[in-house]
Amino acid sequence: MGSKELSPIEKIFCSDYYDNIVLYNANDEPVEFEQVAIVSLRGRDFCILRPVILFEGMEENEAIVFEAVRDEDGELRLDVVKSEPIVDKVFDEYYKMLEEAIANDSKYENLEDD
């Protein structure tokens, strides 16, 4: 029996999938994204994705925050988060997650002492 191909959204939330994903924009054009992080805040799930080919006006270090929501049919979809306060909270949580990961990784011990 063959396994079912995961949807792009399922790939994002699959803990064993780290490759880039392809989403489709409003014009039904494929856009390839690098997965940066998944962040859960107050029972809501967000993902931070970075387009492989940056959109016009984007800086190299910028990424886009999406929220995973269910539509009226119960299907999971990603909505771009446009609220700056929510985007800021998602990135604040992401930076905390990074700091914790580094603090818990022994290969980073003593780096600050150099």
C-alpha atoms as a PDB file:
ATOM      1  CA  MET A   1       0.000   0.000   0.000  1.00  0.00           C
ATOM      2  CA  GLY A   2       1.341   3.421  -0.953  1.00  0.00           C
ATOM      3  CA  SER A   3       1.241   6.243   1.516  1.00  0.00           C
ATOM      4  CA  LYS A   4      -0.816   9.354   0.814  1.00  0.00           C
ATOM      5  CA  GLU A   5       1.167  12.425  -0.241  1.00  0.00           C
ATOM      6  CA  LEU A   6       1.097  15.057   2.476  1.00  0.00           C
ATOM      7  CA  SER A   7      -0.398  18.450   1.665  1.00  0.00           C
ATOM      8  CA  PRO A   8       1.923  21.453   2.037  1.00  0.00           C
ATOM      9  CA  ILE A   9       0.217  22.387   5.312  1.00  0.00           C
ATOM     10  CA  GLU A  10       0.567  18.842   6.641  1.00  0.00           C
ATOM     11  CA  LYS A  11       4.258  18.970   5.702  1.00  0.00           C
ATOM     12  CA  ILE A  12       4.723  22.150   7.737  1.00  0.00           C
ATOM     13  CA  PHE A  13       3.264  20.541  10.848  1.00  0.00           C
ATOM     14  CA  CYS A  14       4.998  17.173  10.302  1.00  0.00           C
ATOM     15  CA  SER A  15       7.909  16.927  12.741  1.00  0.00           C
ATOM     16  CA  ASP A  16       9.912  14.816  10.266  1.00  0.00           C
ATOM     17  CA  TYR A  17       9.618  17.156   7.265  1.00  0.00           C
ATOM     18  CA  TYR A  18      12.202  19.914   6.905  1.00  0.00           C
ATOM     19  CA  ASP A  19      12.306  20.524   3.166  1.00  0.00           C
ATOM     20  CA  ASN A  20      10.926  23.574   1.437  1.00  0.00           C
ATOM     21  CA  ILE A  21       7.225  23.636   0.676  1.00  0.00           C
ATOM     22  CA  VAL A  22       5.241  25.062  -2.209  1.00  0.00           C
ATOM     23  CA  LEU A  23       2.125  27.145  -1.614  1.00  0.00           C
ATOM     24  CA  TYR A  24      -0.015  28.872  -4.211  1.00  0.00           C
ATOM     25  CA  ASN A  25      -0.673  32.603  -4.200  1.00  0.00           C
ATOM     26  CA  ALA A  26      -3.960  34.365  -5.042  1.00  0.00           C
ATOM     27  CA  ASN A  27      -3.105  34.086  -8.756  1.00  0.00           C
ATOM     28  CA  ASP A  28      -2.642  30.300  -8.378  1.00  0.00           C
ATOM     29  CA  GLU A  29       1.109  30.647  -8.966  1.00  0.00           C
ATOM     30  CA  PRO A  30       3.471  28.375  -7.021  1.00  0.00           C
ATOM     31  CA  VAL A  31       5.682  30.016  -4.398  1.00  0.00           C
ATOM     32  CA  GLU A  32       8.436  28.012  -2.715  1.00  0.00           C
ATOM     33  CA  PHE A  33       9.017  28.668   0.982  1.00  0.00           C
ATOM     34  CA  GLU A  34      11.706  27.705   3.465  1.00  0.00           C
ATOM     35  CA  GLN A  35      10.265  26.558   6.788  1.00  0.00           C
ATOM     36  CA  VAL A  36      11.524  28.689   9.651  1.00  0.00           C
ATOM     37  CA  ALA A  37       9.396  27.750  12.665  1.00  0.00           C
ATOM     38  CA  ILE A  38       6.051  26.742  14.086  1.00  0.00           C
ATOM     39  CA  VAL A  39       4.878  28.813  17.031  1.00  0.00           C
ATOM     40  CA  SER A  40       1.847  28.136  19.223  1.00  0.00           C
ATOM     41  CA  LEU A  41       0.358  31.057  21.138  1.00  0.00           C
ATOM     42  CA  ARG A  42      -2.773  30.931  23.270  1.00  0.00           C
ATOM     43  CA  GLY A  43      -4.082  27.854  21.486  1.00  0.00           C
ATOM     44  CA  ARG A  44      -3.439  29.235  18.005  1.00  0.00           C
ATOM     45  CA  ASP A  45      -0.842  27.814  15.608  1.00  0.00           C
ATOM     46  CA  PHE A  46       1.374  30.027  13.497  1.00  0.00           C
ATOM     47  CA  CYS A  47       4.161  29.223  11.081  1.00  0.00           C
ATOM     48  CA  ILE A  48       6.994  31.432   9.953  1.00  0.00           C
ATOM     49  CA  LEU A  49       7.922  30.906   6.323  1.00  0.00           C
ATOM     50  CA  ARG A  50      10.497  32.630   4.157  1.00  0.00           C
ATOM     51  CA  PRO A  51      10.028  32.756   0.374  1.00  0.00           C
ATOM     52  CA  VAL A  52      13.008  31.226  -1.432  1.00  0.00           C
ATOM     53  CA  ILE A  53      12.757  34.023  -3.996  1.00  0.00           C
ATOM     54  CA  LEU A  54      12.050  37.127  -1.954  1.00  0.00           C
ATOM     55  CA  PHE A  55       9.031  39.214  -2.842  1.00  0.00           C
ATOM     56  CA  GLU A  56       9.627  42.714  -4.114  1.00  0.00           C
ATOM     57  CA  GLY A  57      10.547  44.988  -1.216  1.00  0.00           C
ATOM     58  CA  MET A  58      11.488  42.129   1.163  1.00  0.00           C
ATOM     59  CA  GLU A  59      14.789  42.189   2.982  1.00  0.00           C
ATOM     60  CA  GLU A  60      17.011  39.083   3.167  1.00  0.00           C
ATOM     61  CA  ASN A  61      16.241  38.551   6.875  1.00  0.00           C
ATOM     62  CA  GLU A  62      12.444  38.906   6.581  1.00  0.00           C
ATOM     63  CA  ALA A  63       9.856  36.147   6.726  1.00  0.00           C
ATOM     64  CA  ILE A  64       6.065  35.889   6.657  1.00  0.00           C
ATOM     65  CA  VAL A  65       3.831  34.785   9.519  1.00  0.00           C
ATOM     66  CA  PHE A  66       0.867  32.572   8.656  1.00  0.00           C
ATOM     67  CA  GLU A  67      -1.874  31.306  10.951  1.00  0.00           C
ATOM     68  CA  ALA A  68      -3.254  27.801  10.509  1.00  0.00           C
ATOM     69  CA  VAL A  69      -7.046  28.031  10.577  1.00  0.00           C
ATOM     70  CA  ARG A  70      -9.903  25.724   9.651  1.00  0.00           C
ATOM     71  CA  ASP A  71     -12.311  26.850   6.954  1.00  0.00           C
ATOM     72  CA  GLU A  72     -16.072  26.256   7.009  1.00  0.00           C
ATOM     73  CA  ASP A  73     -15.520  22.718   5.647  1.00  0.00           C
ATOM     74  CA  GLY A  74     -13.025  21.900   8.398  1.00  0.00           C
ATOM     75  CA  GLU A  75     -10.061  21.993   6.011  1.00  0.00           C
ATOM     76  CA  LEU A  76      -6.832  23.473   7.327  1.00  0.00           C
ATOM     77  CA  ARG A  77      -5.551  26.535   5.487  1.00  0.00           C
ATOM     78  CA  LEU A  78      -2.891  29.189   6.040  1.00  0.00           C
ATOM     79  CA  ASP A  79      -3.819  32.851   6.349  1.00  0.00           C
ATOM     80  CA  VAL A  80      -1.189  35.584   6.192  1.00  0.00           C
ATOM     81  CA  VAL A  81      -1.145  37.459   9.500  1.00  0.00           C
ATOM     82  CA  LYS A  82      -1.420  41.170   8.789  1.00  0.00           C
ATOM     83  CA  SER A  83      -1.723  42.394  12.389  1.00  0.00           C
ATOM     84  CA  GLU A  84       1.644  43.837  13.451  1.00  0.00           C
ATOM     85  CA  PRO A  85       1.032  43.177  17.175  1.00  0.00           C
ATOM     86  CA  ILE A  86       0.355  39.491  16.465  1.00  0.00           C
ATOM     87  CA  VAL A  87       3.349  39.225  14.113  1.00  0.00           C
ATOM     88  CA  ASP A  88       5.515  40.815  16.820  1.00  0.00           C
ATOM     89  CA  LYS A  89       4.250  38.345  19.452  1.00  0.00           C
ATOM     90  CA  VAL A  90       4.915  35.392  17.146  1.00  0.00           C
ATOM     91  CA  PHE A  91       8.478  36.568  16.488  1.00  0.00           C
ATOM     92  CA  ASP A  92       9.034  37.293  20.195  1.00  0.00           C
ATOM     93  CA  GLU A  93       8.020  33.711  20.983  1.00  0.00           C
ATOM     94  CA  TYR A  94      10.218  32.402  18.146  1.00  0.00           C
ATOM     95  CA  TYR A  95      13.240  34.271  19.532  1.00  0.00           C
ATOM     96  CA  LYS A  96      12.537  32.829  23.002  1.00  0.00           C
ATOM     97  CA  MET A  97      12.400  29.349  21.470  1.00  0.00           C
ATOM     98  CA  LEU A  98      15.771  29.973  19.766  1.00  0.00           C
ATOM     99  CA  GLU A  99      17.350  31.194  22.994  1.00  0.00           C
ATOM    100  CA  GLU A 100      16.072  28.128  24.876  1.00  0.00           C
ATOM    101  CA  ALA A 101      17.330  25.783  22.169  1.00  0.00           C
ATOM    102  CA  ILE A 102      20.773  27.370  22.247  1.00  0.00           C
ATOM    103  CA  ALA A 103      20.846  27.354  26.057  1.00  0.00           C
ATOM    104  CA  ASN A 104      19.998  23.636  26.067  1.00  0.00           C
ATOM    105  CA  ASP A 105      22.528  22.701  23.388  1.00  0.00           C
ATOM    106  CA  SER A 106      25.901  21.841  24.899  1.00  0.00           C
ATOM    107  CA  LYS A 107      27.797  22.691  21.704  1.00  0.00           C
ATOM    108  CA  TYR A 108      27.070  26.367  22.431  1.00  0.00           C
ATOM    109  CA  GLU A 109      28.451  26.226  25.970  1.00  0.00           C
ATOM    110  CA  ASN A 110      31.413  28.516  26.558  1.00  0.00           C
ATOM    111  CA  LEU A 111      30.930  30.404  23.270  1.00  0.00           C
ATOM    112  CA  GLU A 112      30.008  33.536  25.169  1.00  0.00           C
ATOM    113  CA  ASP A 113      33.168  33.194  27.259  1.00  0.00           C
ATOM    114  CA  ASP A 114      35.497  33.614  24.257  1.00  0.00           C
END
